[in-house]
């Protein structure tokens, strides 16, 4: 399963994350996009504006924490493994 390809899994929504995207791409395109965002967005923000970087990370964790948790993961596993 790839993240963002299932209908019930959230994808990119602005500030929800800096690496997610709405469309599946090749591994080479994903790698290029990852290194481009690291070099031009994430690393400069981390070193030049650490408080803004911390705010963005806290925001991402707060939004994603409610979906990416153990209870949801186990429930999804049981439903897909035993009932589909």
PDB file of N, CA and C in Angstrom:
ATOM      1  N   UNK A   1       0.841  -1.188   0.000  1.00  0.00           N
ATOM      2  CA  UNK A   1       0.000   0.000   0.000  1.00  0.00           C
ATOM      3  C   UNK A   1       0.874   1.236   0.000  1.00  0.00           C
ATOM      4  N   UNK A   2       0.563   2.165  -0.865  1.00  0.00           N
ATOM      5  CA  UNK A   2       1.283   3.427  -0.896  1.00  0.00           C
ATOM      6  C   UNK A   2       0.420   4.503  -0.253  1.00  0.00           C
ATOM      7  N   UNK A   3       1.052   5.374   0.501  1.00  0.00           N
ATOM      8  CA  UNK A   3       0.324   6.423   1.212  1.00  0.00           C
ATOM      9  C   UNK A   3      -0.348   7.363   0.221  1.00  0.00           C
ATOM     10  N   UNK A   4      -1.596   7.663   0.461  1.00  0.00           N
ATOM     11  CA  UNK A   4      -2.329   8.619  -0.343  1.00  0.00           C
ATOM     12  C   UNK A   4      -3.073   8.011  -1.510  1.00  0.00           C
ATOM     13  N   UNK A   5      -2.948   6.714  -1.745  1.00  0.00           N
ATOM     14  CA  UNK A   5      -3.629   6.107  -2.875  1.00  0.00           C
ATOM     15  C   UNK A   5      -4.988   5.536  -2.496  1.00  0.00           C
ATOM     16  N   UNK A   6      -5.225   5.291  -1.231  1.00  0.00           N
ATOM     17  CA  UNK A   6      -6.526   4.817  -0.803  1.00  0.00           C
ATOM     18  C   UNK A   6      -7.444   6.004  -0.555  1.00  0.00           C
ATOM     19  N   UNK A   7      -8.724   5.804  -0.758  1.00  0.00           N
ATOM     20  CA  UNK A   7      -9.660   6.923  -0.627  1.00  0.00           C
ATOM     21  C   UNK A   7      -9.807   7.396   0.808  1.00  0.00           C
ATOM     22  N   UNK A   8      -9.610   6.535   1.790  1.00  0.00           N
ATOM     23  CA  UNK A   8      -9.793   6.951   3.178  1.00  0.00           C
ATOM     24  C   UNK A   8      -8.512   7.483   3.815  1.00  0.00           C
ATOM     25  N   UNK A   9      -7.432   7.556   3.055  1.00  0.00           N
ATOM     26  CA  UNK A   9      -6.173   8.040   3.613  1.00  0.00           C
ATOM     27  C   UNK A   9      -5.939   9.488   3.164  1.00  0.00           C
ATOM     28  N   UNK A  10      -5.633  10.373   4.096  1.00  0.00           N
ATOM     29  CA  UNK A  10      -5.445  11.779   3.727  1.00  0.00           C
ATOM     30  C   UNK A  10      -4.196  11.989   2.878  1.00  0.00           C
ATOM     31  N   UNK A  11      -4.262  12.970   2.013  1.00  0.00           N
ATOM     32  CA  UNK A  11      -3.110  13.348   1.205  1.00  0.00           C
ATOM     33  C   UNK A  11      -2.736  14.778   1.533  1.00  0.00           C
ATOM     34  N   UNK A  12      -1.941  15.377   0.714  1.00  0.00           N
ATOM     35  CA  UNK A  12      -1.422  16.721   0.943  1.00  0.00           C
ATOM     36  C   UNK A  12      -2.536  17.747   1.065  1.00  0.00           C
ATOM     37  N   UNK A  13      -2.443  18.586   2.076  1.00  0.00           N
ATOM     38  CA  UNK A  13      -3.430  19.658   2.232  1.00  0.00           C
ATOM     39  C   UNK A  13      -2.733  20.926   2.707  1.00  0.00           C
ATOM     40  N   UNK A  14      -1.853  21.433   1.888  1.00  0.00           N
ATOM     41  CA  UNK A  14      -1.177  22.671   2.244  1.00  0.00           C
ATOM     42  C   UNK A  14      -0.111  22.454   3.293  1.00  0.00           C
ATOM     43  N   UNK A  15      -0.371  22.880   4.532  1.00  0.00           N
ATOM     44  CA  UNK A  15       0.632  22.805   5.599  1.00  0.00           C
ATOM     45  C   UNK A  15       0.642  21.468   6.315  1.00  0.00           C
ATOM     46  N   UNK A  16      -0.134  20.497   5.839  1.00  0.00           N
ATOM     47  CA  UNK A  16      -0.194  19.200   6.511  1.00  0.00           C
ATOM     48  C   UNK A  16       1.131  18.460   6.428  1.00  0.00           C
ATOM     49  N   UNK A  17       1.924  18.746   5.455  1.00  0.00           N
ATOM     50  CA  UNK A  17       3.217  18.102   5.339  1.00  0.00           C
ATOM     51  C   UNK A  17       3.971  18.710   4.172  1.00  0.00           C
ATOM     52  N   UNK A  18       5.272  18.592   4.199  1.00  0.00           N
ATOM     53  CA  UNK A  18       6.057  19.215   3.134  1.00  0.00           C
ATOM     54  C   UNK A  18       6.518  18.209   2.101  1.00  0.00           C
ATOM     55  N   UNK A  19       6.325  16.920   2.342  1.00  0.00           N
ATOM     56  CA  UNK A  19       6.811  15.914   1.404  1.00  0.00           C
ATOM     57  C   UNK A  19       5.699  15.164   0.695  1.00  0.00           C
ATOM     58  N   UNK A  20       4.469  15.283   1.162  1.00  0.00           N
ATOM     59  CA  UNK A  20       3.368  14.539   0.562  1.00  0.00           C
ATOM     60  C   UNK A  20       2.926  15.190  -0.734  1.00  0.00           C
ATOM     61  N   UNK A  21       2.306  14.418  -1.578  1.00  0.00           N
ATOM     62  CA  UNK A  21       1.789  14.931  -2.839  1.00  0.00           C
ATOM     63  C   UNK A  21       0.474  14.268  -3.174  1.00  0.00           C
ATOM     64  N   UNK A  22      -0.249  14.824  -4.123  1.00  0.00           N
ATOM     65  CA  UNK A  22      -1.559  14.297  -4.478  1.00  0.00           C
ATOM     66  C   UNK A  22      -1.513  13.212  -5.545  1.00  0.00           C
ATOM     67  N   UNK A  23      -0.448  13.143  -6.314  1.00  0.00           N
ATOM     68  CA  UNK A  23      -0.411  12.189  -7.409  1.00  0.00           C
ATOM     69  C   UNK A  23       0.771  11.242  -7.258  1.00  0.00           C
ATOM     70  N   UNK A  24       0.544   9.951  -7.555  1.00  0.00           N
ATOM     71  CA  UNK A  24       1.660   9.015  -7.504  1.00  0.00           C
ATOM     72  C   UNK A  24       2.635   9.278  -8.649  1.00  0.00           C
ATOM     73  N   UNK A  25       3.924   9.134  -8.371  1.00  0.00           N
ATOM     74  CA  UNK A  25       4.955   9.383  -9.383  1.00  0.00           C
ATOM     75  C   UNK A  25       5.959   8.250  -9.354  1.00  0.00           C
ATOM     76  N   UNK A  26       6.922   8.324 -10.236  1.00  0.00           N
ATOM     77  CA  UNK A  26       7.967   7.307 -10.256  1.00  0.00           C
ATOM     78  C   UNK A  26       8.927   7.537  -9.089  1.00  0.00           C
ATOM     79  N   UNK A  27       9.721   6.524  -8.783  1.00  0.00           N
ATOM     80  CA  UNK A  27      10.693   6.645  -7.704  1.00  0.00           C
ATOM     81  C   UNK A  27      11.692   7.755  -7.973  1.00  0.00           C
ATOM     82  N   UNK A  28      12.101   7.908  -9.223  1.00  0.00           N
ATOM     83  CA  UNK A  28      13.059   8.956  -9.568  1.00  0.00           C
ATOM     84  C   UNK A  28      12.458  10.341  -9.347  1.00  0.00           C
ATOM     85  N   UNK A  29      11.206  10.521  -9.736  1.00  0.00           N
ATOM     86  CA  UNK A  29      10.543  11.814  -9.530  1.00  0.00           C
ATOM     87  C   UNK A  29      10.345  12.093  -8.047  1.00  0.00           C
ATOM     88  N   UNK A  30       9.990  11.060  -7.292  1.00  0.00           N
ATOM     89  CA  UNK A  30       9.830  11.229  -5.849  1.00  0.00           C
ATOM     90  C   UNK A  30      11.156  11.611  -5.193  1.00  0.00           C
ATOM     91  N   UNK A  31      12.235  10.940  -5.584  1.00  0.00           N
ATOM     92  CA  UNK A  31      13.552  11.241  -5.017  1.00  0.00           C
ATOM     93  C   UNK A  31      13.976  12.664  -5.363  1.00  0.00           C
ATOM     94  N   UNK A  32      13.754  13.065  -6.604  1.00  0.00           N
ATOM     95  CA  UNK A  32      14.111  14.426  -7.022  1.00  0.00           C
ATOM     96  C   UNK A  32      13.310  15.461  -6.239  1.00  0.00           C
ATOM     97  N   UNK A  33      12.020  15.225  -6.065  1.00  0.00           N
ATOM     98  CA  UNK A  33      11.173  16.159  -5.318  1.00  0.00           C
ATOM     99  C   UNK A  33      11.595  16.217  -3.845  1.00  0.00           C
ATOM    100  N   UNK A  34      11.943  15.053  -3.278  1.00  0.00           N
ATOM    101  CA  UNK A  34      12.389  15.005  -1.888  1.00  0.00           C
ATOM    102  C   UNK A  34      13.651  15.828  -1.686  1.00  0.00           C
ATOM    103  N   UNK A  35      14.668  15.603  -2.516  1.00  0.00           N
ATOM    104  CA  UNK A  35      15.923  16.329  -2.359  1.00  0.00           C
ATOM    105  C   UNK A  35      15.765  17.816  -2.661  1.00  0.00           C
ATOM    106  N   UNK A  36      14.896  18.149  -3.599  1.00  0.00           N
ATOM    107  CA  UNK A  36      14.634  19.560  -3.901  1.00  0.00           C
ATOM    108  C   UNK A  36      13.997  20.253  -2.698  1.00  0.00           C
ATOM    109  N   UNK A  37      12.992  19.601  -2.084  1.00  0.00           N
ATOM    110  CA  UNK A  37      12.341  20.210  -0.916  1.00  0.00           C
ATOM    111  C   UNK A  37      13.290  20.292   0.275  1.00  0.00           C
ATOM    112  N   UNK A  38      14.113  19.253   0.449  1.00  0.00           N
ATOM    113  CA  UNK A  38      15.092  19.300   1.541  1.00  0.00           C
ATOM    114  C   UNK A  38      16.065  20.453   1.343  1.00  0.00           C
ATOM    115  N   UNK A  39      16.614  20.564   0.143  1.00  0.00           N
ATOM    116  CA  UNK A  39      17.646  21.566  -0.134  1.00  0.00           C
ATOM    117  C   UNK A  39      17.103  22.992  -0.124  1.00  0.00           C
ATOM    118  N   UNK A  40      15.915  23.192  -0.672  1.00  0.00           N
ATOM    119  CA  UNK A  40      15.411  24.554  -0.873  1.00  0.00           C
ATOM    120  C   UNK A  40      14.385  25.012   0.147  1.00  0.00           C
ATOM    121  N   UNK A  41      13.797  24.092   0.909  1.00  0.00           N
ATOM    122  CA  UNK A  41      12.741  24.481   1.843  1.00  0.00           C
ATOM    123  C   UNK A  41      13.050  24.079   3.276  1.00  0.00           C
ATOM    124  N   UNK A  42      13.239  22.796   3.502  1.00  0.00           N
ATOM    125  CA  UNK A  42      13.308  22.287   4.872  1.00  0.00           C
ATOM    126  C   UNK A  42      14.605  22.670   5.576  1.00  0.00           C
ATOM    127  N   UNK A  43      15.741  22.407   4.967  1.00  0.00           N
ATOM    128  CA  UNK A  43      17.026  22.694   5.619  1.00  0.00           C
ATOM    129  C   UNK A  43      17.221  24.194   5.845  1.00  0.00           C
ATOM    130  N   UNK A  44      16.935  25.069   4.853  1.00  0.00           N
ATOM    131  CA  UNK A  44      17.051  26.509   5.148  1.00  0.00           C
ATOM    132  C   UNK A  44      16.118  26.959   6.276  1.00  0.00           C
ATOM    133  N   UNK A  45      14.907  26.423   6.297  1.00  0.00           N
ATOM    134  CA  UNK A  45      13.967  26.787   7.356  1.00  0.00           C
ATOM    135  C   UNK A  45      14.483  26.314   8.718  1.00  0.00           C
ATOM    136  N   UNK A  46      15.025  25.110   8.771  1.00  0.00           N
ATOM    137  CA  UNK A  46      15.549  24.544  10.016  1.00  0.00           C
ATOM    138  C   UNK A  46      16.675  25.406  10.586  1.00  0.00           C
ATOM    139  N   UNK A  47      17.590  25.867   9.732  1.00  0.00           N
ATOM    140  CA  UNK A  47      18.743  26.633  10.218  1.00  0.00           C
ATOM    141  C   UNK A  47      18.465  28.138  10.333  1.00  0.00           C
ATOM    142  N   UNK A  48      17.644  28.688   9.451  1.00  0.00           N
ATOM    143  CA  UNK A  48      17.427  30.140   9.430  1.00  0.00           C
ATOM    144  C   UNK A  48      16.247  30.597  10.272  1.00  0.00           C
ATOM    145  N   UNK A  49      15.230  29.747  10.416  1.00  0.00           N
ATOM    146  CA  UNK A  49      14.035  30.111  11.187  1.00  0.00           C
ATOM    147  C   UNK A  49      13.597  28.919  12.045  1.00  0.00           C
ATOM    148  N   UNK A  50      14.390  28.578  13.051  1.00  0.00           N
ATOM    149  CA  UNK A  50      14.079  27.361  13.831  1.00  0.00           C
ATOM    150  C   UNK A  50      12.728  27.408  14.540  1.00  0.00           C
ATOM    151  N   UNK A  51      12.294  28.560  14.979  1.00  0.00           N
ATOM    152  CA  UNK A  51      11.001  28.612  15.668  1.00  0.00           C
ATOM    153  C   UNK A  51       9.853  28.346  14.698  1.00  0.00           C
ATOM    154  N   UNK A  52       9.948  28.845  13.474  1.00  0.00           N
ATOM    155  CA  UNK A  52       8.915  28.557  12.474  1.00  0.00           C
ATOM    156  C   UNK A  52       8.941  27.078  12.091  1.00  0.00           C
ATOM    157  N   UNK A  53      10.127  26.496  11.982  1.00  0.00           N
ATOM    158  CA  UNK A  53      10.253  25.069  11.690  1.00  0.00           C
ATOM    159  C   UNK A  53       9.583  24.250  12.793  1.00  0.00           C
ATOM    160  N   UNK A  54       9.807  24.615  14.054  1.00  0.00           N
ATOM    161  CA  UNK A  54       9.193  23.907  15.174  1.00  0.00           C
ATOM    162  C   UNK A  54       7.675  24.034  15.148  1.00  0.00           C
ATOM    163  N   UNK A  55       7.177  25.222  14.795  1.00  0.00           N
ATOM    164  CA  UNK A  55       5.731  25.418  14.704  1.00  0.00           C
ATOM    165  C   UNK A  55       5.119  24.533  13.625  1.00  0.00           C
ATOM    166  N   UNK A  56       5.771  24.451  12.478  1.00  0.00           N
ATOM    167  CA  UNK A  56       5.266  23.619  11.385  1.00  0.00           C
ATOM    168  C   UNK A  56       5.283  22.149  11.789  1.00  0.00           C
ATOM    169  N   UNK A  57       6.370  21.701  12.420  1.00  0.00           N
ATOM    170  CA  UNK A  57       6.453  20.298  12.845  1.00  0.00           C
ATOM    171  C   UNK A  57       5.393  19.982  13.896  1.00  0.00           C
ATOM    172  N   UNK A  58       5.178  20.877  14.854  1.00  0.00           N
ATOM    173  CA  UNK A  58       4.148  20.667  15.871  1.00  0.00           C
ATOM    174  C   UNK A  58       2.762  20.591  15.234  1.00  0.00           C
ATOM    175  N   UNK A  59       2.517  21.447  14.248  1.00  0.00           N
ATOM    176  CA  UNK A  59       1.240  21.451  13.526  1.00  0.00           C
ATOM    177  C   UNK A  59       1.040  20.119  12.794  1.00  0.00           C
ATOM    178  N   UNK A  60       2.066  19.647  12.117  1.00  0.00           N
ATOM    179  CA  UNK A  60       1.979  18.377  11.382  1.00  0.00           C
ATOM    180  C   UNK A  60       1.730  17.205  12.320  1.00  0.00           C
ATOM    181  N   UNK A  61       2.426  17.185  13.443  1.00  0.00           N
ATOM    182  CA  UNK A  61       2.252  16.103  14.406  1.00  0.00           C
ATOM    183  C   UNK A  61       0.845  16.129  14.993  1.00  0.00           C
ATOM    184  N   UNK A  62       0.343  17.311  15.303  1.00  0.00           N
ATOM    185  CA  UNK A  62      -0.997  17.432  15.873  1.00  0.00           C
ATOM    186  C   UNK A  62      -2.063  16.946  14.898  1.00  0.00           C
ATOM    187  N   UNK A  63      -1.932  17.292  13.630  1.00  0.00           N
ATOM    188  CA  UNK A  63      -2.925  16.872  12.642  1.00  0.00           C
ATOM    189  C   UNK A  63      -2.815  15.399  12.294  1.00  0.00           C
ATOM    190  N   UNK A  64      -1.611  14.898  12.148  1.00  0.00           N
ATOM    191  CA  UNK A  64      -1.417  13.514  11.730  1.00  0.00           C
ATOM    192  C   UNK A  64      -1.537  12.523  12.876  1.00  0.00           C
ATOM    193  N   UNK A  65      -1.310  12.972  14.100  1.00  0.00           N
ATOM    194  CA  UNK A  65      -1.344  12.077  15.251  1.00  0.00           C
ATOM    195  C   UNK A  65      -2.690  11.405  15.451  1.00  0.00           C
ATOM    196  N   UNK A  66      -3.760  12.080  15.096  1.00  0.00           N
ATOM    197  CA  UNK A  66      -5.081  11.487  15.284  1.00  0.00           C
ATOM    198  C   UNK A  66      -5.357  10.380  14.272  1.00  0.00           C
ATOM    199  N   UNK A  67      -4.679  10.386  13.146  1.00  0.00           N
ATOM    200  CA  UNK A  67      -4.893   9.344  12.143  1.00  0.00           C
ATOM    201  C   UNK A  67      -3.863   8.223  12.255  1.00  0.00           C
ATOM    202  N   UNK A  68      -2.608   8.581  12.431  1.00  0.00           N
ATOM    203  CA  UNK A  68      -1.544   7.593  12.487  1.00  0.00           C
ATOM    204  C   UNK A  68      -1.305   7.171  13.939  1.00  0.00           C
ATOM    205  N   UNK A  69      -2.174   6.301  14.425  1.00  0.00           N
ATOM    206  CA  UNK A  69      -2.044   5.802  15.790  1.00  0.00           C
ATOM    207  C   UNK A  69      -2.207   4.291  15.803  1.00  0.00           C
ATOM    208  N   UNK A  70      -1.854   3.669  16.886  1.00  0.00           N
ATOM    209  CA  UNK A  70      -1.838   2.211  16.972  1.00  0.00           C
ATOM    210  C   UNK A  70      -3.233   1.616  16.880  1.00  0.00           C
ATOM    211  N   UNK A  71      -4.215   2.234  17.517  1.00  0.00           N
ATOM    212  CA  UNK A  71      -5.570   1.680  17.485  1.00  0.00           C
ATOM    213  C   UNK A  71      -6.096   1.628  16.055  1.00  0.00           C
ATOM    214  N   UNK A  72      -5.941   2.698  15.295  1.00  0.00           N
ATOM    215  CA  UNK A  72      -6.410   2.707  13.913  1.00  0.00           C
ATOM    216  C   UNK A  72      -5.655   1.684  13.086  1.00  0.00           C
ATOM    217  N   UNK A  73      -4.354   1.582  13.307  1.00  0.00           N
ATOM    218  CA  UNK A  73      -3.540   0.652  12.544  1.00  0.00           C
ATOM    219  C   UNK A  73      -3.977  -0.796  12.791  1.00  0.00           C
ATOM    220  N   UNK A  74      -4.188  -1.168  14.053  1.00  0.00           N
ATOM    221  CA  UNK A  74      -4.601  -2.530  14.372  1.00  0.00           C
ATOM    222  C   UNK A  74      -6.003  -2.800  13.837  1.00  0.00           C
ATOM    223  N   UNK A  75      -6.900  -1.858  13.994  1.00  0.00           N
ATOM    224  CA  UNK A  75      -8.259  -2.023  13.486  1.00  0.00           C
ATOM    225  C   UNK A  75      -8.253  -2.195  11.969  1.00  0.00           C
ATOM    226  N   UNK A  76      -7.495  -1.384  11.270  1.00  0.00           N
ATOM    227  CA  UNK A  76      -7.410  -1.486   9.817  1.00  0.00           C
ATOM    228  C   UNK A  76      -6.803  -2.837   9.421  1.00  0.00           C
ATOM    229  N   UNK A  77      -5.782  -3.271  10.124  1.00  0.00           N
ATOM    230  CA  UNK A  77      -5.147  -4.554   9.839  1.00  0.00           C
ATOM    231  C   UNK A  77      -6.140  -5.703  10.002  1.00  0.00           C
ATOM    232  N   UNK A  78      -6.859  -5.719  11.115  1.00  0.00           N
ATOM    233  CA  UNK A  78      -7.813  -6.806  11.377  1.00  0.00           C
ATOM    234  C   UNK A  78      -8.893  -6.817  10.310  1.00  0.00           C
ATOM    235  N   UNK A  79      -9.434  -5.656   9.991  1.00  0.00           N
ATOM    236  CA  UNK A  79     -10.496  -5.608   8.988  1.00  0.00           C
ATOM    237  C   UNK A  79     -10.017  -6.081   7.626  1.00  0.00           C
ATOM    238  N   UNK A  80      -8.833  -5.637   7.214  1.00  0.00           N
ATOM    239  CA  UNK A  80      -8.322  -6.017   5.889  1.00  0.00           C
ATOM    240  C   UNK A  80      -7.822  -7.459   5.864  1.00  0.00           C
ATOM    241  N   UNK A  81      -7.235  -7.931   6.953  1.00  0.00           N
ATOM    242  CA  UNK A  81      -6.662  -9.274   6.969  1.00  0.00           C
ATOM    243  C   UNK A  81      -7.724 -10.359   7.112  1.00  0.00           C
ATOM    244  N   UNK A  82      -8.773 -10.086   7.891  1.00  0.00           N
ATOM    245  CA  UNK A  82      -9.714 -11.142   8.197  1.00  0.00           C
ATOM    246  C   UNK A  82     -11.105 -10.977   7.579  1.00  0.00           C
ATOM    247  N   UNK A  83     -11.439  -9.794   7.111  1.00  0.00           N
ATOM    248  CA  UNK A  83     -12.787  -9.573   6.617  1.00  0.00           C
ATOM    249  C   UNK A  83     -12.863  -9.146   5.157  1.00  0.00           C
ATOM    250  N   UNK A  84     -11.763  -9.030   4.494  1.00  0.00           N
ATOM    251  CA  UNK A  84     -11.805  -8.668   3.067  1.00  0.00           C
ATOM    252  C   UNK A  84     -11.285  -9.791   2.227  1.00  0.00           C
TER     253      UNK A  84
END
